[in-house]
């Protein structure tokens, strides 16, 4: 039977057990790590269709240079591209009965709202993380070097963990391609537990608590090295890819990586009671979407590098 009901102890009956602690405990969940870095388009709203458009401006077509006294100043241009975010509905709900509400020693709406908020955070962060993972530039570390492809497909199988030398290769690629740092100073890496292990063991690793106060740190931030700040993530990225599971996955990015278009912000909604007040419920709802801003295939530049591996042959 779906929802929360009185007759099943695991679905609500336990709430009236007199031997039960008055403190409710909840399963541990990861915080949102990807969505905090999405560029929010605040100007979008209702009644504008199911596609939220945004513009991308190219670099100048021809660079300037020295001119002689009698020559005219050269003229050039830039190109404008239009892209869009597809709007999607997201949501989930938990129904409960009027009987459960009447007999429970707890306010049943409190735990329902808590687990729904947690589910909302996980779901939307994964949707945002999937946009980051759509990067065409793929980096795969190996014991003899690395693969770097620009077609969205890993060049080979990883057989080593992510190393500081790999971090340097990735940040140097961003610099060589004139990709600005995320905050004007540092690039960002969101990584799984295994992907971070090899980097955190390096003697040059600086723990987050040693270079920033809590108000200045991103959610999940654990440290920094080579002009890159690292975020630990356990919801979207895999720990199991690579040869013998030694790699894990990571996302490196600079400025303007992923956009979020919001039509209706994430919110909790109460169901209009029916069956004469016996059937109730609470839901979370969101209308919007996520999209990678720059695409190597169509724009000639990419602001994200996805560290992952091809699947090893059996």
C-alpha atoms as a PDB file:
ATOM      1  CA  UNK A   1       0.000   0.000   0.000  1.00  0.00           C
ATOM      2  CA  UNK A   2       1.612   3.348  -1.062  1.00  0.00           C
ATOM      3  CA  UNK A   3       1.930   6.301   1.272  1.00  0.00           C
ATOM      4  CA  UNK A   4       1.905   6.535   5.052  1.00  0.00           C
ATOM      5  CA  UNK A   5      -0.849   4.609   6.867  1.00  0.00           C
ATOM      6  CA  UNK A   6      -1.703   3.673  10.442  1.00  0.00           C
ATOM      7  CA  UNK A   7      -2.248  -0.067   9.898  1.00  0.00           C
ATOM      8  CA  UNK A   8       1.367  -0.769   8.819  1.00  0.00           C
ATOM      9  CA  UNK A   9       3.878  -0.125  11.612  1.00  0.00           C
ATOM     10  CA  UNK A  10       6.732   0.659   9.211  1.00  0.00           C
ATOM     11  CA  UNK A  11       4.529   3.142   7.334  1.00  0.00           C
ATOM     12  CA  UNK A  12       3.151   4.993  10.357  1.00  0.00           C
ATOM     13  CA  UNK A  13       2.059   2.729  13.202  1.00  0.00           C
ATOM     14  CA  UNK A  14       5.435   3.089  14.925  1.00  0.00           C
ATOM     15  CA  UNK A  15       4.659   6.785  15.497  1.00  0.00           C
ATOM     16  CA  UNK A  16       2.434   5.861  18.457  1.00  0.00           C
ATOM     17  CA  UNK A  17       4.709   3.302  20.139  1.00  0.00           C
ATOM     18  CA  UNK A  18       5.066   4.564  23.775  1.00  0.00           C
ATOM     19  CA  UNK A  19       8.595   3.110  24.027  1.00  0.00           C
ATOM     20  CA  UNK A  20       9.794   5.041  21.017  1.00  0.00           C
ATOM     21  CA  UNK A  21      12.358   7.792  21.479  1.00  0.00           C
ATOM     22  CA  UNK A  22      10.875  11.249  20.952  1.00  0.00           C
ATOM     23  CA  UNK A  23      13.723  12.037  18.558  1.00  0.00           C
ATOM     24  CA  UNK A  24      13.292  10.954  14.946  1.00  0.00           C
ATOM     25  CA  UNK A  25      16.387   9.850  13.030  1.00  0.00           C
ATOM     26  CA  UNK A  26      16.792  10.050   9.278  1.00  0.00           C
ATOM     27  CA  UNK A  27      18.891   8.176   6.740  1.00  0.00           C
ATOM     28  CA  UNK A  28      22.039  10.002   5.708  1.00  0.00           C
ATOM     29  CA  UNK A  29      21.975  11.655   2.286  1.00  0.00           C
ATOM     30  CA  UNK A  30      24.559  13.693   0.367  1.00  0.00           C
ATOM     31  CA  UNK A  31      24.115  17.447   0.083  1.00  0.00           C
ATOM     32  CA  UNK A  32      23.629  19.143  -3.266  1.00  0.00           C
ATOM     33  CA  UNK A  33      27.073  19.530  -4.830  1.00  0.00           C
ATOM     34  CA  UNK A  34      26.491  20.223  -8.545  1.00  0.00           C
ATOM     35  CA  UNK A  35      23.493  22.566  -8.461  1.00  0.00           C
ATOM     36  CA  UNK A  36      25.329  25.211  -6.420  1.00  0.00           C
ATOM     37  CA  UNK A  37      27.543  25.815  -9.488  1.00  0.00           C
ATOM     38  CA  UNK A  38      24.797  26.168 -12.114  1.00  0.00           C
ATOM     39  CA  UNK A  39      24.341  29.598 -13.657  1.00  0.00           C
ATOM     40  CA  UNK A  40      20.723  30.445 -12.862  1.00  0.00           C
ATOM     41  CA  UNK A  41      18.672  32.291 -15.457  1.00  0.00           C
ATOM     42  CA  UNK A  42      16.498  34.332 -13.126  1.00  0.00           C
ATOM     43  CA  UNK A  43      14.720  36.257 -15.871  1.00  0.00           C
ATOM     44  CA  UNK A  44      12.727  33.278 -17.144  1.00  0.00           C
ATOM     45  CA  UNK A  45       9.226  32.568 -15.938  1.00  0.00           C
ATOM     46  CA  UNK A  46       5.786  31.269 -16.788  1.00  0.00           C
ATOM     47  CA  UNK A  47       3.964  31.494 -20.116  1.00  0.00           C
ATOM     48  CA  UNK A  48       7.091  31.389 -22.289  1.00  0.00           C
ATOM     49  CA  UNK A  49       6.879  27.876 -23.748  1.00  0.00           C
ATOM     50  CA  UNK A  50       8.769  24.703 -22.875  1.00  0.00           C
ATOM     51  CA  UNK A  51      12.172  25.939 -24.093  1.00  0.00           C
ATOM     52  CA  UNK A  52      14.199  28.586 -22.273  1.00  0.00           C
ATOM     53  CA  UNK A  53      16.564  30.240 -24.736  1.00  0.00           C
ATOM     54  CA  UNK A  54      19.924  31.856 -24.057  1.00  0.00           C
ATOM     55  CA  UNK A  55      22.566  33.476 -26.253  1.00  0.00           C
ATOM     56  CA  UNK A  56      26.275  32.674 -26.597  1.00  0.00           C
ATOM     57  CA  UNK A  57      28.756  35.205 -27.963  1.00  0.00           C
ATOM     58  CA  UNK A  58      31.840  33.917 -29.783  1.00  0.00           C
ATOM     59  CA  UNK A  59      35.312  35.329 -29.534  1.00  0.00           C
ATOM     60  CA  UNK A  60      36.233  37.996 -32.066  1.00  0.00           C
ATOM     61  CA  UNK A  61      36.662  36.555 -35.570  1.00  0.00           C
ATOM     62  CA  UNK A  62      39.961  38.277 -36.395  1.00  0.00           C
ATOM     63  CA  UNK A  63      42.387  39.644 -33.831  1.00  0.00           C
ATOM     64  CA  UNK A  64      43.558  43.221 -34.016  1.00  0.00           C
ATOM     65  CA  UNK A  65      47.164  44.224 -34.609  1.00  0.00           C
ATOM     66  CA  UNK A  66      49.503  47.016 -35.659  1.00  0.00           C
ATOM     67  CA  UNK A  67      48.513  49.236 -38.593  1.00  0.00           C
ATOM     68  CA  UNK A  68      50.480  51.677 -40.714  1.00  0.00           C
ATOM     69  CA  UNK A  69      49.711  55.375 -40.740  1.00  0.00           C
ATOM     70  CA  UNK A  70      48.021  55.295 -44.130  1.00  0.00           C
ATOM     71  CA  UNK A  71      46.047  52.088 -43.563  1.00  0.00           C
ATOM     72  CA  UNK A  72      42.491  51.896 -42.344  1.00  0.00           C
ATOM     73  CA  UNK A  73      41.708  50.209 -39.040  1.00  0.00           C
ATOM     74  CA  UNK A  74      40.616  46.661 -39.898  1.00  0.00           C
ATOM     75  CA  UNK A  75      37.041  45.574 -39.310  1.00  0.00           C
ATOM     76  CA  UNK A  76      35.865  42.237 -37.985  1.00  0.00           C
ATOM     77  CA  UNK A  77      32.914  40.700 -36.173  1.00  0.00           C
ATOM     78  CA  UNK A  78      31.730  38.037 -33.769  1.00  0.00           C
ATOM     79  CA  UNK A  79      28.961  35.469 -34.045  1.00  0.00           C
ATOM     80  CA  UNK A  80      25.873  34.989 -31.900  1.00  0.00           C
ATOM     81  CA  UNK A  81      24.468  31.531 -31.239  1.00  0.00           C
ATOM     82  CA  UNK A  82      21.144  30.674 -29.677  1.00  0.00           C
ATOM     83  CA  UNK A  83      20.771  27.654 -27.404  1.00  0.00           C
ATOM     84  CA  UNK A  84      17.994  26.518 -25.123  1.00  0.00           C
ATOM     85  CA  UNK A  85      17.134  24.584 -21.986  1.00  0.00           C
ATOM     86  CA  UNK A  86      14.253  22.144 -22.266  1.00  0.00           C
ATOM     87  CA  UNK A  87      11.807  22.631 -19.398  1.00  0.00           C
ATOM     88  CA  UNK A  88      10.959  19.456 -17.484  1.00  0.00           C
ATOM     89  CA  UNK A  89       8.611  18.730 -14.604  1.00  0.00           C
ATOM     90  CA  UNK A  90      10.116  17.034 -11.556  1.00  0.00           C
ATOM     91  CA  UNK A  91       8.340  15.886  -8.426  1.00  0.00           C
ATOM     92  CA  UNK A  92       7.443  13.221  -5.914  1.00  0.00           C
ATOM     93  CA  UNK A  93       4.772  12.815  -3.243  1.00  0.00           C
ATOM     94  CA  UNK A  94       3.863  10.948  -0.064  1.00  0.00           C
ATOM     95  CA  UNK A  95       0.189  10.422   0.702  1.00  0.00           C
ATOM     96  CA  UNK A  96      -0.991   9.764   4.244  1.00  0.00           C
ATOM     97  CA  UNK A  97      -4.284   9.049   5.923  1.00  0.00           C
ATOM     98  CA  UNK A  98      -6.357  11.162   8.239  1.00  0.00           C
ATOM     99  CA  UNK A  99      -6.366   8.258  10.690  1.00  0.00           C
ATOM    100  CA  UNK A 100      -2.564   8.248  10.897  1.00  0.00           C
ATOM    101  CA  UNK A 101      -2.561  11.994  11.514  1.00  0.00           C
ATOM    102  CA  UNK A 102      -5.197  11.685  14.245  1.00  0.00           C
ATOM    103  CA  UNK A 103      -3.548   8.815  16.169  1.00  0.00           C
ATOM    104  CA  UNK A 104       0.170   9.559  15.759  1.00  0.00           C
ATOM    105  CA  UNK A 105       2.122  11.014  18.710  1.00  0.00           C
ATOM    106  CA  UNK A 106       4.256  12.892  16.178  1.00  0.00           C
ATOM    107  CA  UNK A 107       3.261  15.569  13.703  1.00  0.00           C
ATOM    108  CA  UNK A 108       3.389  13.274  10.659  1.00  0.00           C
ATOM    109  CA  UNK A 109       3.916  16.182   8.280  1.00  0.00           C
ATOM    110  CA  UNK A 110       7.369  16.957   9.729  1.00  0.00           C
ATOM    111  CA  UNK A 111       9.120  13.698   8.691  1.00  0.00           C
ATOM    112  CA  UNK A 112       7.212  13.668   5.401  1.00  0.00           C
ATOM    113  CA  UNK A 113       8.452  17.143   4.546  1.00  0.00           C
ATOM    114  CA  UNK A 114      11.992  16.245   5.644  1.00  0.00           C
ATOM    115  CA  UNK A 115      12.320  13.159   3.420  1.00  0.00           C
ATOM    116  CA  UNK A 116      10.654  14.952   0.508  1.00  0.00           C
ATOM    117  CA  UNK A 117      13.135  17.828   0.760  1.00  0.00           C
ATOM    118  CA  UNK A 118      15.970  15.313   0.803  1.00  0.00           C
ATOM    119  CA  UNK A 119      14.548  13.556  -2.252  1.00  0.00           C
ATOM    120  CA  UNK A 120      14.134  16.888  -4.021  1.00  0.00           C
ATOM    121  CA  UNK A 121      17.763  17.789  -3.355  1.00  0.00           C
ATOM    122  CA  UNK A 122      19.070  14.446  -4.619  1.00  0.00           C
ATOM    123  CA  UNK A 123      16.881  14.422  -7.724  1.00  0.00           C
ATOM    124  CA  UNK A 124      17.637  17.960  -8.873  1.00  0.00           C
ATOM    125  CA  UNK A 125      21.336  17.654  -8.082  1.00  0.00           C
ATOM    126  CA  UNK A 126      21.505  14.516 -10.228  1.00  0.00           C
ATOM    127  CA  UNK A 127      19.729  16.302 -13.069  1.00  0.00           C
ATOM    128  CA  UNK A 128      22.288  19.100 -12.823  1.00  0.00           C
ATOM    129  CA  UNK A 129      25.161  16.598 -12.522  1.00  0.00           C
ATOM    130  CA  UNK A 130      24.012  14.799 -15.664  1.00  0.00           C
ATOM    131  CA  UNK A 131      24.329  18.107 -17.543  1.00  0.00           C
ATOM    132  CA  UNK A 132      27.939  18.394 -16.332  1.00  0.00           C
ATOM    133  CA  UNK A 133      28.574  14.787 -17.409  1.00  0.00           C
ATOM    134  CA  UNK A 134      27.473  15.589 -20.959  1.00  0.00           C
ATOM    135  CA  UNK A 135      30.876  17.238 -21.568  1.00  0.00           C
ATOM    136  CA  UNK A 136      32.526  16.268 -24.843  1.00  0.00           C
ATOM    137  CA  UNK A 137      36.058  16.561 -23.447  1.00  0.00           C
ATOM    138  CA  UNK A 138      36.910  13.304 -21.662  1.00  0.00           C
ATOM    139  CA  UNK A 139      40.097  12.717 -19.668  1.00  0.00           C
ATOM    140  CA  UNK A 140      41.239   9.205 -18.671  1.00  0.00           C
ATOM    141  CA  UNK A 141      44.416   8.678 -16.591  1.00  0.00           C
ATOM    142  CA  UNK A 142      46.586   5.650 -17.305  1.00  0.00           C
ATOM    143  CA  UNK A 143      49.831   4.228 -15.913  1.00  0.00           C
ATOM    144  CA  UNK A 144      51.642   5.350 -19.083  1.00  0.00           C
ATOM    145  CA  UNK A 145      50.050   8.801 -19.391  1.00  0.00           C
ATOM    146  CA  UNK A 146      46.473   9.736 -20.230  1.00  0.00           C
ATOM    147  CA  UNK A 147      43.818   9.882 -22.926  1.00  0.00           C
ATOM    148  CA  UNK A 148      42.076  13.146 -23.799  1.00  0.00           C
ATOM    149  CA  UNK A 149      39.252  13.032 -26.319  1.00  0.00           C
ATOM    150  CA  UNK A 150      36.844  15.713 -27.548  1.00  0.00           C
ATOM    151  CA  UNK A 151      34.027  13.556 -28.922  1.00  0.00           C
ATOM    152  CA  UNK A 152      32.320  12.580 -25.654  1.00  0.00           C
ATOM    153  CA  UNK A 153      33.777   9.053 -25.644  1.00  0.00           C
ATOM    154  CA  UNK A 154      36.627   7.895 -23.361  1.00  0.00           C
ATOM    155  CA  UNK A 155      39.819   7.059 -25.253  1.00  0.00           C
ATOM    156  CA  UNK A 156      40.625   3.993 -23.175  1.00  0.00           C
ATOM    157  CA  UNK A 157      40.419   2.260 -19.832  1.00  0.00           C
ATOM    158  CA  UNK A 158      41.836   3.866 -16.676  1.00  0.00           C
ATOM    159  CA  UNK A 159      44.238   1.651 -14.738  1.00  0.00           C
ATOM    160  CA  UNK A 160      45.436   4.191 -12.151  1.00  0.00           C
ATOM    161  CA  UNK A 161      43.821   6.576  -9.721  1.00  0.00           C
ATOM    162  CA  UNK A 162      43.574  10.284 -10.447  1.00  0.00           C
ATOM    163  CA  UNK A 163      46.942  11.930  -9.630  1.00  0.00           C
ATOM    164  CA  UNK A 164      48.152  15.482  -9.056  1.00  0.00           C
ATOM    165  CA  UNK A 165      49.902  15.285 -12.432  1.00  0.00           C
ATOM    166  CA  UNK A 166      46.469  14.677 -13.981  1.00  0.00           C
ATOM    167  CA  UNK A 167      45.076  17.730 -12.191  1.00  0.00           C
ATOM    168  CA  UNK A 168      47.894  19.791 -13.667  1.00  0.00           C
ATOM    169  CA  UNK A 169      47.227  18.418 -17.158  1.00  0.00           C
ATOM    170  CA  UNK A 170      43.547  19.324 -16.894  1.00  0.00           C
ATOM    171  CA  UNK A 171      44.070  22.823 -15.490  1.00  0.00           C
ATOM    172  CA  UNK A 172      46.758  23.465 -18.124  1.00  0.00           C
ATOM    173  CA  UNK A 173      44.259  22.432 -20.817  1.00  0.00           C
ATOM    174  CA  UNK A 174      41.798  25.006 -19.483  1.00  0.00           C
ATOM    175  CA  UNK A 175      44.493  27.679 -19.420  1.00  0.00           C
ATOM    176  CA  UNK A 176      45.739  26.806 -22.917  1.00  0.00           C
ATOM    177  CA  UNK A 177      42.197  27.096 -24.241  1.00  0.00           C
ATOM    178  CA  UNK A 178      41.546  30.390 -22.425  1.00  0.00           C
ATOM    179  CA  UNK A 179      38.770  28.991 -20.224  1.00  0.00           C
ATOM    180  CA  UNK A 180      38.314  31.420 -17.299  1.00  0.00           C
ATOM    181  CA  UNK A 181      38.442  30.050 -13.718  1.00  0.00           C
ATOM    182  CA  UNK A 182      35.063  29.571 -12.061  1.00  0.00           C
ATOM    183  CA  UNK A 183      35.452  32.393  -9.523  1.00  0.00           C
ATOM    184  CA  UNK A 184      38.131  34.397 -11.308  1.00  0.00           C
ATOM    185  CA  UNK A 185      40.885  32.647  -9.357  1.00  0.00           C
ATOM    186  CA  UNK A 186      40.306  28.907  -9.103  1.00  0.00           C
ATOM    187  CA  UNK A 187      38.828  26.137 -11.187  1.00  0.00           C
ATOM    188  CA  UNK A 188      36.458  23.628  -9.560  1.00  0.00           C
ATOM    189  CA  UNK A 189      36.585  19.853  -9.367  1.00  0.00           C
ATOM    190  CA  UNK A 190      33.676  17.734  -8.124  1.00  0.00           C
ATOM    191  CA  UNK A 191      34.943  14.216  -7.492  1.00  0.00           C
ATOM    192  CA  UNK A 192      33.888  10.851  -6.117  1.00  0.00           C
ATOM    193  CA  UNK A 193      35.576   9.356  -3.046  1.00  0.00           C
ATOM    194  CA  UNK A 194      38.012   7.131  -4.962  1.00  0.00           C
ATOM    195  CA  UNK A 195      38.879   9.802  -7.490  1.00  0.00           C
ATOM    196  CA  UNK A 196      40.003  12.111  -4.683  1.00  0.00           C
ATOM    197  CA  UNK A 197      42.046   9.566  -2.790  1.00  0.00           C
ATOM    198  CA  UNK A 198      45.273   9.821  -4.784  1.00  0.00           C
ATOM    199  CA  UNK A 199      45.178  13.622  -4.822  1.00  0.00           C
ATOM    200  CA  UNK A 200      44.530  14.035  -1.111  1.00  0.00           C
ATOM    201  CA  UNK A 201      47.565  11.867  -0.306  1.00  0.00           C
ATOM    202  CA  UNK A 202      49.873  14.370  -2.038  1.00  0.00           C
ATOM    203  CA  UNK A 203      52.015  16.488   0.281  1.00  0.00           C
ATOM    204  CA  UNK A 204      50.955  19.671  -1.561  1.00  0.00           C
ATOM    205  CA  UNK A 205      47.269  19.127  -0.782  1.00  0.00           C
ATOM    206  CA  UNK A 206      45.766  21.961   1.315  1.00  0.00           C
ATOM    207  CA  UNK A 207      42.711  21.116   3.423  1.00  0.00           C
ATOM    208  CA  UNK A 208      39.772  23.473   3.021  1.00  0.00           C
ATOM    209  CA  UNK A 209      39.750  24.356   6.726  1.00  0.00           C
ATOM    210  CA  UNK A 210      43.226  25.840   6.345  1.00  0.00           C
ATOM    211  CA  UNK A 211      42.466  28.354   3.604  1.00  0.00           C
ATOM    212  CA  UNK A 212      38.865  29.493   4.070  1.00  0.00           C
ATOM    213  CA  UNK A 213      36.211  30.197   6.665  1.00  0.00           C
ATOM    214  CA  UNK A 214      32.928  28.238   6.471  1.00  0.00           C
ATOM    215  CA  UNK A 215      31.046  31.132   4.842  1.00  0.00           C
ATOM    216  CA  UNK A 216      33.476  31.167   1.913  1.00  0.00           C
ATOM    217  CA  UNK A 217      33.561  27.436   1.244  1.00  0.00           C
ATOM    218  CA  UNK A 218      31.299  25.638  -1.216  1.00  0.00           C
ATOM    219  CA  UNK A 219      29.115  22.792   0.056  1.00  0.00           C
ATOM    220  CA  UNK A 220      31.278  19.679   0.251  1.00  0.00           C
ATOM    221  CA  UNK A 221      34.573  21.512  -0.289  1.00  0.00           C
ATOM    222  CA  UNK A 222      37.506  19.528   1.082  1.00  0.00           C
ATOM    223  CA  UNK A 223      40.693  21.098  -0.250  1.00  0.00           C
ATOM    224  CA  UNK A 224      42.707  22.789  -2.969  1.00  0.00           C
ATOM    225  CA  UNK A 225      45.740  22.176  -5.123  1.00  0.00           C
ATOM    226  CA  UNK A 226      47.178  23.737  -8.317  1.00  0.00           C
ATOM    227  CA  UNK A 227      44.580  26.511  -8.641  1.00  0.00           C
ATOM    228  CA  UNK A 228      41.694  24.065  -8.243  1.00  0.00           C
ATOM    229  CA  UNK A 229      39.167  23.697  -5.406  1.00  0.00           C
ATOM    230  CA  UNK A 230      37.794  20.212  -4.762  1.00  0.00           C
ATOM    231  CA  UNK A 231      34.259  19.148  -3.818  1.00  0.00           C
ATOM    232  CA  UNK A 232      33.543  15.624  -2.528  1.00  0.00           C
ATOM    233  CA  UNK A 233      30.406  14.087  -4.076  1.00  0.00           C
ATOM    234  CA  UNK A 234      28.601  10.761  -3.493  1.00  0.00           C
ATOM    235  CA  UNK A 235      25.320  11.027  -5.408  1.00  0.00           C
ATOM    236  CA  UNK A 236      26.077  11.351  -9.135  1.00  0.00           C
ATOM    237  CA  UNK A 237      29.656  10.252  -9.867  1.00  0.00           C
ATOM    238  CA  UNK A 238      30.707   6.606  -9.900  1.00  0.00           C
ATOM    239  CA  UNK A 239      33.357   4.982  -7.745  1.00  0.00           C
ATOM    240  CA  UNK A 240      33.353   1.836  -9.866  1.00  0.00           C
ATOM    241  CA  UNK A 241      34.667   2.834 -13.308  1.00  0.00           C
ATOM    242  CA  UNK A 242      38.167   1.991 -14.506  1.00  0.00           C
ATOM    243  CA  UNK A 243      40.250  -1.147 -14.298  1.00  0.00           C
ATOM    244  CA  UNK A 244      39.502  -2.901 -10.997  1.00  0.00           C
ATOM    245  CA  UNK A 245      37.586   0.165  -9.793  1.00  0.00           C
ATOM    246  CA  UNK A 246      40.724   2.211  -9.070  1.00  0.00           C
ATOM    247  CA  UNK A 247      39.621   5.481 -10.652  1.00  0.00           C
ATOM    248  CA  UNK A 248      36.209   6.773  -9.731  1.00  0.00           C
ATOM    249  CA  UNK A 249      34.981   9.838 -11.629  1.00  0.00           C
ATOM    250  CA  UNK A 250      35.440  13.603 -11.466  1.00  0.00           C
ATOM    251  CA  UNK A 251      34.204  16.778 -13.162  1.00  0.00           C
ATOM    252  CA  UNK A 252      36.533  19.759 -13.672  1.00  0.00           C
ATOM    253  CA  UNK A 253      35.137  23.069 -14.887  1.00  0.00           C
ATOM    254  CA  UNK A 254      35.644  26.790 -15.179  1.00  0.00           C
ATOM    255  CA  UNK A 255      33.277  29.705 -15.638  1.00  0.00           C
ATOM    256  CA  UNK A 256      29.923  29.293 -17.455  1.00  0.00           C
ATOM    257  CA  UNK A 257      29.741  25.517 -17.252  1.00  0.00           C
ATOM    258  CA  UNK A 258      26.038  24.666 -16.813  1.00  0.00           C
ATOM    259  CA  UNK A 259      22.903  26.813 -16.884  1.00  0.00           C
ATOM    260  CA  UNK A 260      19.699  26.290 -14.922  1.00  0.00           C
ATOM    261  CA  UNK A 261      16.445  27.731 -16.185  1.00  0.00           C
ATOM    262  CA  UNK A 262      13.698  27.987 -13.579  1.00  0.00           C
ATOM    263  CA  UNK A 263      10.037  28.424 -14.420  1.00  0.00           C
ATOM    264  CA  UNK A 264       8.588  27.311 -11.064  1.00  0.00           C
ATOM    265  CA  UNK A 265      11.130  27.035  -8.207  1.00  0.00           C
ATOM    266  CA  UNK A 266      11.271  23.811  -6.204  1.00  0.00           C
ATOM    267  CA  UNK A 267       8.540  23.856  -3.588  1.00  0.00           C
ATOM    268  CA  UNK A 268       6.487  21.646  -1.271  1.00  0.00           C
ATOM    269  CA  UNK A 269       2.765  21.397  -1.951  1.00  0.00           C
ATOM    270  CA  UNK A 270      -0.060  20.036   0.197  1.00  0.00           C
ATOM    271  CA  UNK A 271      -2.624  17.832  -1.472  1.00  0.00           C
ATOM    272  CA  UNK A 272      -6.225  19.020  -1.375  1.00  0.00           C
ATOM    273  CA  UNK A 273      -7.779  16.427   0.986  1.00  0.00           C
ATOM    274  CA  UNK A 274     -10.356  14.107  -0.554  1.00  0.00           C
ATOM    275  CA  UNK A 275     -12.567  11.239   0.626  1.00  0.00           C
ATOM    276  CA  UNK A 276     -14.041  13.703   3.130  1.00  0.00           C
ATOM    277  CA  UNK A 277     -10.630  14.522   4.634  1.00  0.00           C
ATOM    278  CA  UNK A 278      -9.459  10.908   5.044  1.00  0.00           C
ATOM    279  CA  UNK A 279      -6.887  11.055   2.208  1.00  0.00           C
ATOM    280  CA  UNK A 280      -4.096  13.634   2.455  1.00  0.00           C
ATOM    281  CA  UNK A 281      -0.593  14.115   1.087  1.00  0.00           C
ATOM    282  CA  UNK A 282       2.435  16.324   0.505  1.00  0.00           C
ATOM    283  CA  UNK A 283       4.471  16.624  -2.705  1.00  0.00           C
ATOM    284  CA  UNK A 284       7.513  18.462  -3.976  1.00  0.00           C
ATOM    285  CA  UNK A 285       7.410  20.030  -7.427  1.00  0.00           C
ATOM    286  CA  UNK A 286       9.844  21.825  -9.756  1.00  0.00           C
ATOM    287  CA  UNK A 287       9.531  23.075 -13.326  1.00  0.00           C
ATOM    288  CA  UNK A 288      12.794  23.905 -15.035  1.00  0.00           C
ATOM    289  CA  UNK A 289      15.899  22.329 -16.480  1.00  0.00           C
ATOM    290  CA  UNK A 290      19.673  22.204 -16.841  1.00  0.00           C
ATOM    291  CA  UNK A 291      21.933  22.524 -19.885  1.00  0.00           C
ATOM    292  CA  UNK A 292      25.670  22.605 -20.544  1.00  0.00           C
ATOM    293  CA  UNK A 293      26.421  26.081 -21.903  1.00  0.00           C
ATOM    294  CA  UNK A 294      29.397  25.458 -24.218  1.00  0.00           C
ATOM    295  CA  UNK A 295      29.745  22.430 -26.489  1.00  0.00           C
ATOM    296  CA  UNK A 296      33.034  21.479 -28.122  1.00  0.00           C
ATOM    297  CA  UNK A 297      31.318  20.039 -31.188  1.00  0.00           C
ATOM    298  CA  UNK A 298      29.234  23.100 -32.054  1.00  0.00           C
ATOM    299  CA  UNK A 299      31.102  25.959 -30.351  1.00  0.00           C
ATOM    300  CA  UNK A 300      34.734  24.861 -30.645  1.00  0.00           C
ATOM    301  CA  UNK A 301      35.221  25.235 -26.898  1.00  0.00           C
ATOM    302  CA  UNK A 302      34.313  23.366 -23.742  1.00  0.00           C
ATOM    303  CA  UNK A 303      34.330  24.621 -20.157  1.00  0.00           C
ATOM    304  CA  UNK A 304      34.018  21.155 -18.579  1.00  0.00           C
ATOM    305  CA  UNK A 305      36.289  18.098 -18.528  1.00  0.00           C
ATOM    306  CA  UNK A 306      34.759  14.790 -17.491  1.00  0.00           C
ATOM    307  CA  UNK A 307      37.242  12.370 -15.907  1.00  0.00           C
ATOM    308  CA  UNK A 308      36.025   8.850 -16.531  1.00  0.00           C
ATOM    309  CA  UNK A 309      36.946   5.577 -18.215  1.00  0.00           C
ATOM    310  CA  UNK A 310      35.844   3.275 -20.961  1.00  0.00           C
ATOM    311  CA  UNK A 311      34.374  -0.013 -19.784  1.00  0.00           C
ATOM    312  CA  UNK A 312      37.158  -2.653 -19.642  1.00  0.00           C
ATOM    313  CA  UNK A 313      36.727  -5.707 -21.842  1.00  0.00           C
ATOM    314  CA  UNK A 314      35.775  -8.926 -20.089  1.00  0.00           C
END
